[in-house]
C-alpha atoms as a PDB file:
ATOM      1  CA  MET A   1      15.008  -1.651 -82.372  1.00  0.00           C
ATOM      2  CA  LEU A   2      13.310   1.008 -84.503  1.00  0.00           C
ATOM      3  CA  ARG A   3      13.876  -1.106 -87.633  1.00  0.00           C
ATOM      4  CA  SER A   4      12.169  -4.086 -86.034  1.00  0.00           C
ATOM      5  CA  ALA A   5       9.293  -1.885 -84.850  1.00  0.00           C
ATOM      6  CA  PHE A   6       8.633  -0.453 -88.293  1.00  0.00           C
ATOM      7  CA  ILE A   7       8.802  -3.864 -89.945  1.00  0.00           C
ATOM      8  CA  ALA A   8       6.272  -5.154 -87.413  1.00  0.00           C
ATOM      9  CA  LEU A   9       4.040  -2.119 -88.082  1.00  0.00           C
ATOM     10  CA  SER A  10       4.232  -2.821 -91.815  1.00  0.00           C
ATOM     11  CA  GLN A  11       2.265  -6.022 -91.148  1.00  0.00           C
ATOM     12  CA  ASN A  12      -0.408  -4.385 -88.914  1.00  0.00           C
ATOM     13  CA  LYS A  13      -3.610  -4.758 -90.899  1.00  0.00           C
ATOM     14  CA  ARG A  14      -5.706  -2.372 -88.789  1.00  0.00           C
ATOM     15  CA  LEU A  15      -3.164   0.467 -88.934  1.00  0.00           C
ATOM     16  CA  ARG A  16      -2.707  -0.164 -92.645  1.00  0.00           C
ATOM     17  CA  ALA A  17      -6.415   0.150 -93.321  1.00  0.00           C
ATOM     18  CA  PHE A  18      -6.646   3.404 -91.348  1.00  0.00           C
ATOM     19  CA  SER A  19      -3.519   4.930 -92.888  1.00  0.00           C
ATOM     20  CA  GLU A  20      -4.357   4.133 -96.513  1.00  0.00           C
ATOM     21  CA  ARG A  21      -7.830   5.650 -96.169  1.00  0.00           C
ATOM     22  CA  SER A  22      -6.824   8.840 -94.360  1.00  0.00           C
ATOM     23  CA  SER A  23      -5.760  12.072 -96.005  1.00  0.00           C
ATOM     24  CA  ALA A  24      -3.059  12.535 -93.381  1.00  0.00           C
ATOM     25  CA  GLY A  25      -1.599   9.124 -94.215  1.00  0.00           C
ATOM     26  CA  ARG A  26      -1.539   9.854 -97.919  1.00  0.00           C
ATOM     27  CA  GLN A  27       0.118  13.214 -97.214  1.00  0.00           C
ATOM     28  CA  LEU A  28       2.843  11.543 -95.196  1.00  0.00           C
ATOM     29  CA  SER A  29       3.376   8.891 -97.865  1.00  0.00           C
ATOM     30  CA  SER A  30       3.828  11.413-100.667  1.00  0.00           C
ATOM     31  CA  ARG A  31       7.540  11.741 -99.915  1.00  0.00           C
ATOM     32  CA  PHE A  32       8.175   8.183-101.042  1.00  0.00           C
ATOM     33  CA  VAL A  33       5.088   7.367-103.138  1.00  0.00           C
ATOM     34  CA  ALA A  34       4.460   9.121-106.467  1.00  0.00           C
ATOM     35  CA  GLY A  35       0.679   9.188-106.158  1.00  0.00           C
ATOM     36  CA  MET A  36      -2.369   6.963-106.215  1.00  0.00           C
ATOM     37  CA  THR A  37      -3.001   6.541-109.976  1.00  0.00           C
ATOM     38  CA  ILE A  38      -1.272   5.480-113.183  1.00  0.00           C
ATOM     39  CA  GLU A  39      -1.449   9.057-114.384  1.00  0.00           C
ATOM     40  CA  ASP A  40       0.280  10.275-111.234  1.00  0.00           C
ATOM     41  CA  ALA A  41       3.083   7.740-111.913  1.00  0.00           C
ATOM     42  CA  ALA A  42       3.355   8.846-115.533  1.00  0.00           C
ATOM     43  CA  HIS A  43       3.774  12.511-114.541  1.00  0.00           C
ATOM     44  CA  ALA A  44       6.395  11.572-111.942  1.00  0.00           C
ATOM     45  CA  SER A  45       8.244   9.508-114.525  1.00  0.00           C
ATOM     46  CA  GLU A  46       8.289  12.343-117.030  1.00  0.00           C
ATOM     47  CA  ARG A  47       9.696  14.665-114.407  1.00  0.00           C
ATOM     48  CA  VAL A  48      12.449  12.195-113.483  1.00  0.00           C
ATOM     49  CA  ASN A  49      13.237  11.466-117.150  1.00  0.00           C
ATOM     50  CA  HIS A  50      13.584  15.202-117.774  1.00  0.00           C
ATOM     51  CA  GLU A  51      16.527  15.178-115.371  1.00  0.00           C
ATOM     52  CA  GLY A  52      18.246  12.425-117.444  1.00  0.00           C
ATOM     53  CA  ILE A  53      17.293   9.673-115.018  1.00  0.00           C
ATOM     54  CA  ALA A  54      15.463   6.429-115.901  1.00  0.00           C
ATOM     55  CA  VAL A  55      12.671   4.987-113.819  1.00  0.00           C
ATOM     56  CA  THR A  56      11.203   1.654-112.702  1.00  0.00           C
ATOM     57  CA  LEU A  57       7.448   1.792-112.166  1.00  0.00           C
ATOM     58  CA  ASP A  58       5.934  -0.251-109.354  1.00  0.00           C
ATOM     59  CA  SER A  59       2.216  -0.565-108.740  1.00  0.00           C
ATOM     60  CA  LEU A  60       2.153  -1.072-104.985  1.00  0.00           C
ATOM     61  CA  GLY A  61       0.424  -4.101-103.541  1.00  0.00           C
ATOM     62  CA  GLU A  62       1.297  -7.512-102.173  1.00  0.00           C
ATOM     63  CA  SER A  63      -0.182 -10.647-100.622  1.00  0.00           C
ATOM     64  CA  VAL A  64      -3.342 -10.835-102.736  1.00  0.00           C
ATOM     65  CA  THR A  65      -5.710 -13.646-101.731  1.00  0.00           C
ATOM     66  CA  THR A  66      -7.816 -14.325-104.866  1.00  0.00           C
ATOM     67  CA  ALA A  67      -7.299 -14.938-108.564  1.00  0.00           C
ATOM     68  CA  ALA A  68      -9.439 -11.917-109.362  1.00  0.00           C
ATOM     69  CA  GLU A  69      -7.120  -9.667-107.271  1.00  0.00           C
ATOM     70  CA  ALA A  70      -4.083 -11.138-108.990  1.00  0.00           C
ATOM     71  CA  GLN A  71      -5.569 -10.488-112.443  1.00  0.00           C
ATOM     72  CA  ALA A  72      -6.447  -6.934-111.406  1.00  0.00           C
ATOM     73  CA  SER A  73      -2.854  -6.328-110.385  1.00  0.00           C
ATOM     74  CA  ALA A  74      -1.669  -7.737-113.709  1.00  0.00           C
ATOM     75  CA  ALA A  75      -4.001  -5.446-115.642  1.00  0.00           C
ATOM     76  CA  VAL A  76      -2.315  -2.406-114.154  1.00  0.00           C
ATOM     77  CA  TYR A  77       1.091  -3.653-115.305  1.00  0.00           C
ATOM     78  CA  HIS A  78      -0.112  -4.212-118.820  1.00  0.00           C
ATOM     79  CA  GLN A  79      -1.413  -0.663-118.835  1.00  0.00           C
ATOM     80  CA  LEU A  80       2.004   0.508-117.624  1.00  0.00           C
ATOM     81  CA  LEU A  81       3.885  -1.344-120.332  1.00  0.00           C
ATOM     82  CA  ASP A  82       1.609   0.204-122.976  1.00  0.00           C
ATOM     83  CA  LEU A  83       1.983   3.641-121.431  1.00  0.00           C
ATOM     84  CA  ILE A  84       5.792   3.344-121.468  1.00  0.00           C
ATOM     85  CA  GLN A  85       5.722   2.579-125.168  1.00  0.00           C
ATOM     86  CA  GLN A  86       3.106   5.202-126.040  1.00  0.00           C
ATOM     87  CA  ARG A  87       4.746   8.080-124.166  1.00  0.00           C
ATOM     88  CA  GLY A  88       8.310   7.073-124.950  1.00  0.00           C
ATOM     89  CA  LEU A  89       9.277   6.889-121.273  1.00  0.00           C
ATOM     90  CA  ASN A  90      12.680   5.729-120.248  1.00  0.00           C
ATOM     91  CA  ALA A  91      11.181   3.204-117.913  1.00  0.00           C
ATOM     92  CA  ASN A  92      10.522  -0.405-117.049  1.00  0.00           C
ATOM     93  CA  VAL A  93       8.354  -2.151-114.424  1.00  0.00           C
ATOM     94  CA  SER A  94       8.835  -4.055-111.183  1.00  0.00           C
ATOM     95  CA  VAL A  95       6.343  -6.584-109.724  1.00  0.00           C
ATOM     96  CA  LYS A  96       6.163  -8.760-106.613  1.00  0.00           C
ATOM     97  CA  LEU A  97       5.093 -12.397-106.986  1.00  0.00           C
ATOM     98  CA  SER A  98       2.775 -12.041-103.965  1.00  0.00           C
ATOM     99  CA  GLN A  99       0.887  -9.381-105.973  1.00  0.00           C
ATOM    100  CA  VAL A 100      -0.102 -11.967-108.568  1.00  0.00           C
ATOM    101  CA  GLY A 101      -1.071 -15.012-106.510  1.00  0.00           C
ATOM    102  CA  MET A 102       2.166 -16.637-105.386  1.00  0.00           C
ATOM    103  CA  ASP A 103       0.865 -17.272-101.869  1.00  0.00           C
ATOM    104  CA  PHE A 104      -2.074 -19.433-102.989  1.00  0.00           C
ATOM    105  CA  ASP A 105      -1.338 -20.519-106.611  1.00  0.00           C
ATOM    106  CA  PRO A 106       2.313 -20.401-107.772  1.00  0.00           C
ATOM    107  CA  ALA A 107       1.374 -21.637-111.225  1.00  0.00           C
ATOM    108  CA  LEU A 108      -1.045 -18.757-111.629  1.00  0.00           C
ATOM    109  CA  ALA A 109       1.622 -16.280-110.511  1.00  0.00           C
ATOM    110  CA  GLU A 110       4.146 -17.620-112.964  1.00  0.00           C
ATOM    111  CA  ARG A 111       1.607 -17.541-115.789  1.00  0.00           C
ATOM    112  CA  ILE A 112       0.627 -13.936-115.030  1.00  0.00           C
ATOM    113  CA  VAL A 113       4.207 -12.715-114.798  1.00  0.00           C
ATOM    114  CA  GLY A 114       5.079 -14.665-117.936  1.00  0.00           C
ATOM    115  CA  GLU A 115       2.367 -12.708-119.795  1.00  0.00           C
ATOM    116  CA  MET A 116       3.857  -9.467-118.514  1.00  0.00           C
ATOM    117  CA  VAL A 117       7.386 -10.481-119.644  1.00  0.00           C
ATOM    118  CA  GLU A 118       6.042 -11.473-123.045  1.00  0.00           C
ATOM    119  CA  HIS A 119       4.358  -8.029-123.290  1.00  0.00           C
ATOM    120  CA  ALA A 120       7.600  -6.352-122.234  1.00  0.00           C
ATOM    121  CA  ALA A 121       9.630  -8.319-124.842  1.00  0.00           C
ATOM    122  CA  ARG A 122       7.126  -7.348-127.551  1.00  0.00           C
ATOM    123  CA  THR A 123       7.317  -3.626-126.686  1.00  0.00           C
ATOM    124  CA  GLY A 124      11.066  -3.455-126.004  1.00  0.00           C
ATOM    125  CA  SER A 125      10.694  -3.095-122.244  1.00  0.00           C
ATOM    126  CA  PHE A 126      11.745  -5.085-119.196  1.00  0.00           C
ATOM    127  CA  VAL A 127      10.179  -6.648-116.092  1.00  0.00           C
ATOM    128  CA  ARG A 128      11.973  -6.809-112.784  1.00  0.00           C
ATOM    129  CA  ILE A 129      10.588  -9.544-110.500  1.00  0.00           C
ATOM    130  CA  ASP A 130      11.068  -7.999-107.092  1.00  0.00           C
ATOM    131  CA  MET A 131      12.324  -9.975-104.158  1.00  0.00           C
ATOM    132  CA  GLU A 132      10.398 -10.381-100.935  1.00  0.00           C
ATOM    133  CA  GLY A 133      11.248 -12.207 -97.694  1.00  0.00           C
ATOM    134  CA  SER A 134      13.547 -15.238 -97.703  1.00  0.00           C
ATOM    135  CA  PRO A 135      10.696 -17.793 -97.978  1.00  0.00           C
ATOM    136  CA  TYR A 136      10.193 -16.429-101.527  1.00  0.00           C
ATOM    137  CA  THR A 137      13.858 -16.362-102.584  1.00  0.00           C
ATOM    138  CA  GLU A 138      14.295 -19.729-104.300  1.00  0.00           C
ATOM    139  CA  ALA A 139      10.917 -19.602-106.040  1.00  0.00           C
ATOM    140  CA  THR A 140      11.537 -16.057-107.325  1.00  0.00           C
ATOM    141  CA  ILE A 141      14.925 -17.025-108.721  1.00  0.00           C
ATOM    142  CA  ALA A 142      13.591 -20.200-110.330  1.00  0.00           C
ATOM    143  CA  ILE A 143      10.672 -18.405-112.002  1.00  0.00           C
ATOM    144  CA  THR A 144      13.030 -15.685-113.250  1.00  0.00           C
ATOM    145  CA  GLU A 145      15.321 -18.363-114.743  1.00  0.00           C
ATOM    146  CA  ARG A 146      12.449 -20.080-116.588  1.00  0.00           C
ATOM    147  CA  LEU A 147      11.110 -16.813-117.994  1.00  0.00           C
ATOM    148  CA  ALA A 148      14.609 -15.586-118.963  1.00  0.00           C
ATOM    149  CA  ALA A 149      15.072 -18.777-120.999  1.00  0.00           C
ATOM    150  CA  ARG A 150      11.884 -17.952-122.927  1.00  0.00           C
ATOM    151  CA  PHE A 151      12.416 -14.160-123.163  1.00  0.00           C
ATOM    152  CA  PRO A 152      16.131 -13.361-122.980  1.00  0.00           C
ATOM    153  CA  GLY A 153      16.849  -9.848-121.831  1.00  0.00           C
ATOM    154  CA  ALA A 154      13.279  -9.034-120.913  1.00  0.00           C
ATOM    155  CA  VAL A 155      13.295 -10.165-117.266  1.00  0.00           C
ATOM    156  CA  GLY A 156      15.544  -9.960-114.208  1.00  0.00           C
ATOM    157  CA  THR A 157      15.271 -10.106-110.475  1.00  0.00           C
ATOM    158  CA  VAL A 158      16.609  -8.712-107.201  1.00  0.00           C
ATOM    159  CA  LEU A 159      19.129 -10.149-104.775  1.00  0.00           C
ATOM    160  CA  GLN A 160      19.572  -9.003-101.154  1.00  0.00           C
ATOM    161  CA  ALA A 161      23.082  -8.665 -99.817  1.00  0.00           C
ATOM    162  CA  TYR A 162      22.127  -9.485 -96.218  1.00  0.00           C
ATOM    163  CA  LEU A 163      21.327 -13.129 -97.116  1.00  0.00           C
ATOM    164  CA  TYR A 164      24.127 -15.668 -96.787  1.00  0.00           C
ATOM    165  CA  ARG A 165      23.009 -17.392 -99.987  1.00  0.00           C
ATOM    166  CA  THR A 166      23.240 -14.328-102.203  1.00  0.00           C
ATOM    167  CA  GLU A 167      26.828 -14.832-103.391  1.00  0.00           C
ATOM    168  CA  ALA A 168      25.920 -18.244-104.825  1.00  0.00           C
ATOM    169  CA  ASP A 169      22.688 -16.882-106.245  1.00  0.00           C
ATOM    170  CA  ALA A 170      24.551 -14.048-107.977  1.00  0.00           C
ATOM    171  CA  GLU A 171      26.948 -16.515-109.670  1.00  0.00           C
ATOM    172  CA  ARG A 172      23.962 -18.651-110.693  1.00  0.00           C
ATOM    173  CA  LEU A 173      22.087 -15.753-112.346  1.00  0.00           C
ATOM    174  CA  LEU A 174      25.104 -14.069-113.877  1.00  0.00           C
ATOM    175  CA  GLY A 175      26.098 -17.344-115.498  1.00  0.00           C
ATOM    176  CA  GLN A 176      22.788 -17.290-117.343  1.00  0.00           C
ATOM    177  CA  GLY A 177      23.074 -13.625-118.365  1.00  0.00           C
ATOM    178  CA  ILE A 178      20.190 -12.563-116.085  1.00  0.00           C
ATOM    179  CA  ARG A 179      20.205  -8.998-114.898  1.00  0.00           C
ATOM    180  CA  ILE A 180      20.343  -8.453-111.132  1.00  0.00           C
ATOM    181  CA  ARG A 181      19.315  -5.524-108.963  1.00  0.00           C
ATOM    182  CA  LEU A 182      21.456  -5.717-105.827  1.00  0.00           C
ATOM    183  CA  CYS A 183      20.050  -4.210-102.648  1.00  0.00           C
ATOM    184  CA  LYS A 184      20.829  -4.671 -98.965  1.00  0.00           C
ATOM    185  CA  GLY A 185      17.457  -6.118 -97.930  1.00  0.00           C
ATOM    186  CA  ALA A 186      14.389  -4.708 -96.178  1.00  0.00           C
ATOM    187  CA  TYR A 187      12.710  -7.681 -94.489  1.00  0.00           C
ATOM    188  CA  LYS A 188      13.147  -9.088 -90.989  1.00  0.00           C
ATOM    189  CA  GLU A 189      15.326 -12.147 -91.243  1.00  0.00           C
ATOM    190  CA  GLY A 190      16.834 -14.429 -88.627  1.00  0.00           C
ATOM    191  CA  PRO A 191      20.587 -15.053 -88.026  1.00  0.00           C
ATOM    192  CA  GLU A 192      20.212 -18.515 -89.551  1.00  0.00           C
ATOM    193  CA  VAL A 193      19.760 -16.987 -93.051  1.00  0.00           C
ATOM    194  CA  ALA A 194      21.097 -13.393 -92.891  1.00  0.00           C
ATOM    195  CA  PHE A 195      23.938 -11.257 -91.626  1.00  0.00           C
ATOM    196  CA  ALA A 196      22.832  -9.362 -88.542  1.00  0.00           C
ATOM    197  CA  ALA A 197      25.570  -6.719 -88.367  1.00  0.00           C
ATOM    198  CA  LYS A 198      25.471  -3.742 -90.781  1.00  0.00           C
ATOM    199  CA  ALA A 199      29.208  -3.963 -91.285  1.00  0.00           C
ATOM    200  CA  ASP A 200      28.880  -7.529 -92.552  1.00  0.00           C
ATOM    201  CA  VAL A 201      25.996  -6.632 -94.878  1.00  0.00           C
ATOM    202  CA  ASP A 202      28.001  -3.693 -96.290  1.00  0.00           C
ATOM    203  CA  ALA A 203      31.084  -5.793 -96.820  1.00  0.00           C
ATOM    204  CA  ASN A 204      29.080  -8.471 -98.642  1.00  0.00           C
ATOM    205  CA  TYR A 205      27.330  -5.805-100.733  1.00  0.00           C
ATOM    206  CA  ILE A 206      30.658  -4.287-101.861  1.00  0.00           C
ATOM    207  CA  LYS A 207      32.098  -7.683-102.718  1.00  0.00           C
ATOM    208  CA  LEU A 208      29.007  -8.641-104.731  1.00  0.00           C
ATOM    209  CA  MET A 209      28.744  -5.351-106.631  1.00  0.00           C
ATOM    210  CA  LYS A 210      32.360  -5.578-107.742  1.00  0.00           C
ATOM    211  CA  ARG A 211      31.799  -9.104-108.981  1.00  0.00           C
ATOM    212  CA  MET A 212      28.635  -8.117-110.816  1.00  0.00           C
ATOM    213  CA  VAL A 213      30.186  -5.254-112.798  1.00  0.00           C
ATOM    214  CA  THR A 214      33.276  -7.249-113.778  1.00  0.00           C
ATOM    215  CA  PHE A 215      31.618 -10.604-114.538  1.00  0.00           C
ATOM    216  CA  THR A 216      32.126 -11.881-118.090  1.00  0.00           C
ATOM    217  CA  ALA A 217      31.109 -15.102-119.828  1.00  0.00           C
ATOM    218  CA  ASN A 218      31.909 -15.732-123.481  1.00  0.00           C
ATOM    219  CA  GLY A 219      33.205 -12.175-123.631  1.00  0.00           C
ATOM    220  CA  LYS A 220      29.971 -10.658-122.378  1.00  0.00           C
ATOM    221  CA  GLY A 221      29.062  -8.902-119.177  1.00  0.00           C
ATOM    222  CA  VAL A 222      25.640  -8.636-117.532  1.00  0.00           C
ATOM    223  CA  PHE A 223      24.144  -5.162-117.069  1.00  0.00           C
ATOM    224  CA  CYS A 224      23.107  -4.846-113.412  1.00  0.00           C
ATOM    225  CA  GLY A 225      21.671  -2.365-110.992  1.00  0.00           C
ATOM    226  CA  ILE A 226      23.569  -1.172-107.887  1.00  0.00           C
ATOM    227  CA  ALA A 227      20.701  -0.193-105.604  1.00  0.00           C
ATOM    228  CA  THR A 228      21.911   1.867-102.670  1.00  0.00           C
ATOM    229  CA  HIS A 229      21.698   5.338-101.100  1.00  0.00           C
ATOM    230  CA  ASP A 230      24.757   4.668 -98.947  1.00  0.00           C
ATOM    231  CA  GLU A 231      27.244   7.258-100.071  1.00  0.00           C
ATOM    232  CA  THR A 232      30.183   5.227 -98.732  1.00  0.00           C
ATOM    233  CA  ILE A 233      29.177   2.344-101.007  1.00  0.00           C
ATOM    234  CA  VAL A 234      28.549   4.707-103.924  1.00  0.00           C
ATOM    235  CA  GLU A 235      32.054   6.142-103.453  1.00  0.00           C
ATOM    236  CA  ALA A 236      33.518   2.647-103.269  1.00  0.00           C
ATOM    237  CA  MET A 237      31.937   1.838-106.604  1.00  0.00           C
ATOM    238  CA  ARG A 238      33.060   5.108-108.193  1.00  0.00           C
ATOM    239  CA  THR A 239      36.628   4.371-107.076  1.00  0.00           C
ATOM    240  CA  PHE A 240      36.496   0.740-108.224  1.00  0.00           C
ATOM    241  CA  VAL A 241      35.173   1.722-111.641  1.00  0.00           C
ATOM    242  CA  ARG A 242      37.886   4.323-112.094  1.00  0.00           C
ATOM    243  CA  ASP A 243      40.755   2.121-110.870  1.00  0.00           C
ATOM    244  CA  ASN A 244      39.718  -0.929-112.856  1.00  0.00           C
ATOM    245  CA  ASN A 245      38.629   0.764-116.105  1.00  0.00           C
ATOM    246  CA  VAL A 246      35.077  -0.518-115.745  1.00  0.00           C
ATOM    247  CA  PRO A 247      32.846   1.263-118.305  1.00  0.00           C
ATOM    248  CA  LYS A 248      30.020   3.272-116.819  1.00  0.00           C
ATOM    249  CA  SER A 249      27.757   1.507-119.326  1.00  0.00           C
ATOM    250  CA  ALA A 250      28.285  -1.787-117.442  1.00  0.00           C
ATOM    251  CA  PHE A 251      25.760  -0.903-114.676  1.00  0.00           C
ATOM    252  CA  GLU A 252      23.540   1.755-113.268  1.00  0.00           C
ATOM    253  CA  PHE A 253      22.940   3.131-109.843  1.00  0.00           C
ATOM    254  CA  GLN A 254      19.382   2.605-108.628  1.00  0.00           C
ATOM    255  CA  MET A 255      17.666   4.629-105.919  1.00  0.00           C
ATOM    256  CA  LEU A 256      14.213   5.170-104.499  1.00  0.00           C
ATOM    257  CA  TYR A 257      11.785   7.958-105.294  1.00  0.00           C
ATOM    258  CA  GLY A 258      12.141  10.778-102.794  1.00  0.00           C
ATOM    259  CA  ILE A 259      15.425   9.637-101.281  1.00  0.00           C
ATOM    260  CA  ARG A 260      18.778  11.353-101.958  1.00  0.00           C
ATOM    261  CA  ARG A 261      17.631  13.287-104.973  1.00  0.00           C
ATOM    262  CA  ASP A 262      20.841  15.344-104.696  1.00  0.00           C
ATOM    263  CA  LEU A 263      22.958  12.247-105.071  1.00  0.00           C
ATOM    264  CA  GLN A 264      20.827  10.980-107.954  1.00  0.00           C
ATOM    265  CA  ARG A 265      21.363  14.216-109.897  1.00  0.00           C
ATOM    266  CA  ARG A 266      25.058  14.369-109.095  1.00  0.00           C
ATOM    267  CA  LEU A 267      25.688  10.856-110.391  1.00  0.00           C
ATOM    268  CA  ALA A 268      23.674  11.514-113.520  1.00  0.00           C
ATOM    269  CA  ASP A 269      25.672  14.710-114.122  1.00  0.00           C
ATOM    270  CA  GLU A 270      28.864  12.615-113.805  1.00  0.00           C
ATOM    271  CA  GLY A 271      27.681  10.390-116.614  1.00  0.00           C
ATOM    272  CA  PHE A 272      26.587   7.384-114.560  1.00  0.00           C
ATOM    273  CA  GLY A 273      23.374   5.629-115.420  1.00  0.00           C
ATOM    274  CA  VAL A 274      20.779   6.314-112.684  1.00  0.00           C
ATOM    275  CA  ARG A 275      17.366   4.769-112.317  1.00  0.00           C
ATOM    276  CA  VAL A 276      14.744   5.771-109.761  1.00  0.00           C
ATOM    277  CA  TYR A 277      12.198   3.301-108.440  1.00  0.00           C
ATOM    278  CA  VAL A 278       8.816   5.048-108.680  1.00  0.00           C
ATOM    279  CA  PRO A 279       6.073   3.409-106.614  1.00  0.00           C
ATOM    280  CA  PHE A 280       2.411   4.424-106.752  1.00  0.00           C
ATOM    281  CA  GLY A 281      -1.004   3.224-105.819  1.00  0.00           C
ATOM    282  CA  PRO A 282      -3.462   3.178-102.922  1.00  0.00           C
ATOM    283  CA  GLU A 283      -1.850   0.123-101.262  1.00  0.00           C
ATOM    284  CA  TRP A 284       1.218   2.072-100.225  1.00  0.00           C
ATOM    285  CA  TYR A 285       1.387   1.391 -96.463  1.00  0.00           C
ATOM    286  CA  PRO A 286       3.699  -1.738 -96.269  1.00  0.00           C
ATOM    287  CA  TYR A 287       6.148  -0.180 -98.691  1.00  0.00           C
ATOM    288  CA  PHE A 288       6.129   3.124 -96.779  1.00  0.00           C
ATOM    289  CA  MET A 289       6.827   1.437 -93.426  1.00  0.00           C
ATOM    290  CA  ARG A 290       9.724  -0.578 -94.888  1.00  0.00           C
ATOM    291  CA  ARG A 291      11.273   2.679 -96.053  1.00  0.00           C
ATOM    292  CA  LEU A 292      11.089   4.012 -92.528  1.00  0.00           C
ATOM    293  CA  ALA A 293      12.554   0.730 -91.237  1.00  0.00           C
ATOM    294  CA  GLU A 294      15.550   1.112 -93.558  1.00  0.00           C
ATOM    295  CA  ARG A 295      16.316   4.614 -92.255  1.00  0.00           C
ATOM    296  CA  PRO A 296      14.408   5.666 -89.171  1.00  0.00           C
ATOM    297  CA  ALA A 297      15.788   9.201 -89.489  1.00  0.00           C
ATOM    298  CA  ASN A 298      13.236   9.599 -92.277  1.00  0.00           C
ATOM    299  CA  VAL A 299      10.556   9.690 -89.589  1.00  0.00           C
ATOM    300  CA  PHE A 300      11.810  13.006 -88.183  1.00  0.00           C
ATOM    301  CA  PHE A 301      12.140  14.481 -91.659  1.00  0.00           C
ATOM    302  CA  LEU A 302       8.557  13.517 -92.502  1.00  0.00           C
ATOM    303  CA  LEU A 303       7.101  14.785 -89.288  1.00  0.00           C
ATOM    304  CA  LYS A 304       8.920  18.100 -89.565  1.00  0.00           C
ATOM    305  CA  ASN A 305       7.558  18.657 -93.055  1.00  0.00           C
ATOM    306  CA  PHE A 306       4.096  17.413 -92.170  1.00  0.00           C
ATOM    307  CA  PHE A 307       3.605  19.845 -89.303  1.00  0.00           C
ATOM    308  CA  ARG A 308       5.100  22.674 -91.395  1.00  0.00           C
ATOM    309  CA  ASN A 309       2.210  22.373 -93.889  1.00  0.00           C
END
């Protein structure tokens, strides 16, 4: 019930406008959001890199309504790609298609993201096309496929384990050598497209992650991201890797900024690749509410620390 409530709140435009403009809202968001500016994100990335952990930078924003807004979003990403190269950050970037015009001009969105991927390929970086709700799934995968054909190794996407279709999608992308970030899923989906029970989502996640790290075609695997904070799943992966002689270089664990920092450091100390998703920017509210929806216990942690200040 709490999950559904927070997802509904993430779409409340009036509460979003109030929260993003208030100092109290920005203070609450700071647990999960690295700051409001590119420089804030750069400093956060340097701190994370100093601990031996890679980052993915995400300029927060979604559902733009004009071409000018889409181009403004793109400009931030081109700045990020230059910054990564100039400062030697161990980082890449993640972008949502709805940030760059997908809702009103899919061709524009594909062109804008294609320019980002071309920039990433030129500078030795990587663009992750993030996944949104299920109405975007097929289009996101198809755009990723077309760009991966043009710029091999410079683009990948995200699959969500709670969707029934994800097993087939994983095989489809792995067969083309396209890198996948596997997560559980953070959008409200109906029983016609998604598993409703946590146990079923977890079981599908474990099955998919094992397939991803052992997949080979023509003697090659596909480097993928195992995106979870669930320690039971992390332990299942650690055991599977050990028992099946899977090299740690075959994948990386991926986690969110501000969540389970202790686990991030422990895995890095054990020699696993770890990458932290570092979001930033003034349009933080929908992202923040989805983090609360994923784990409502975060609400009590945030309130306790807020009133302590």
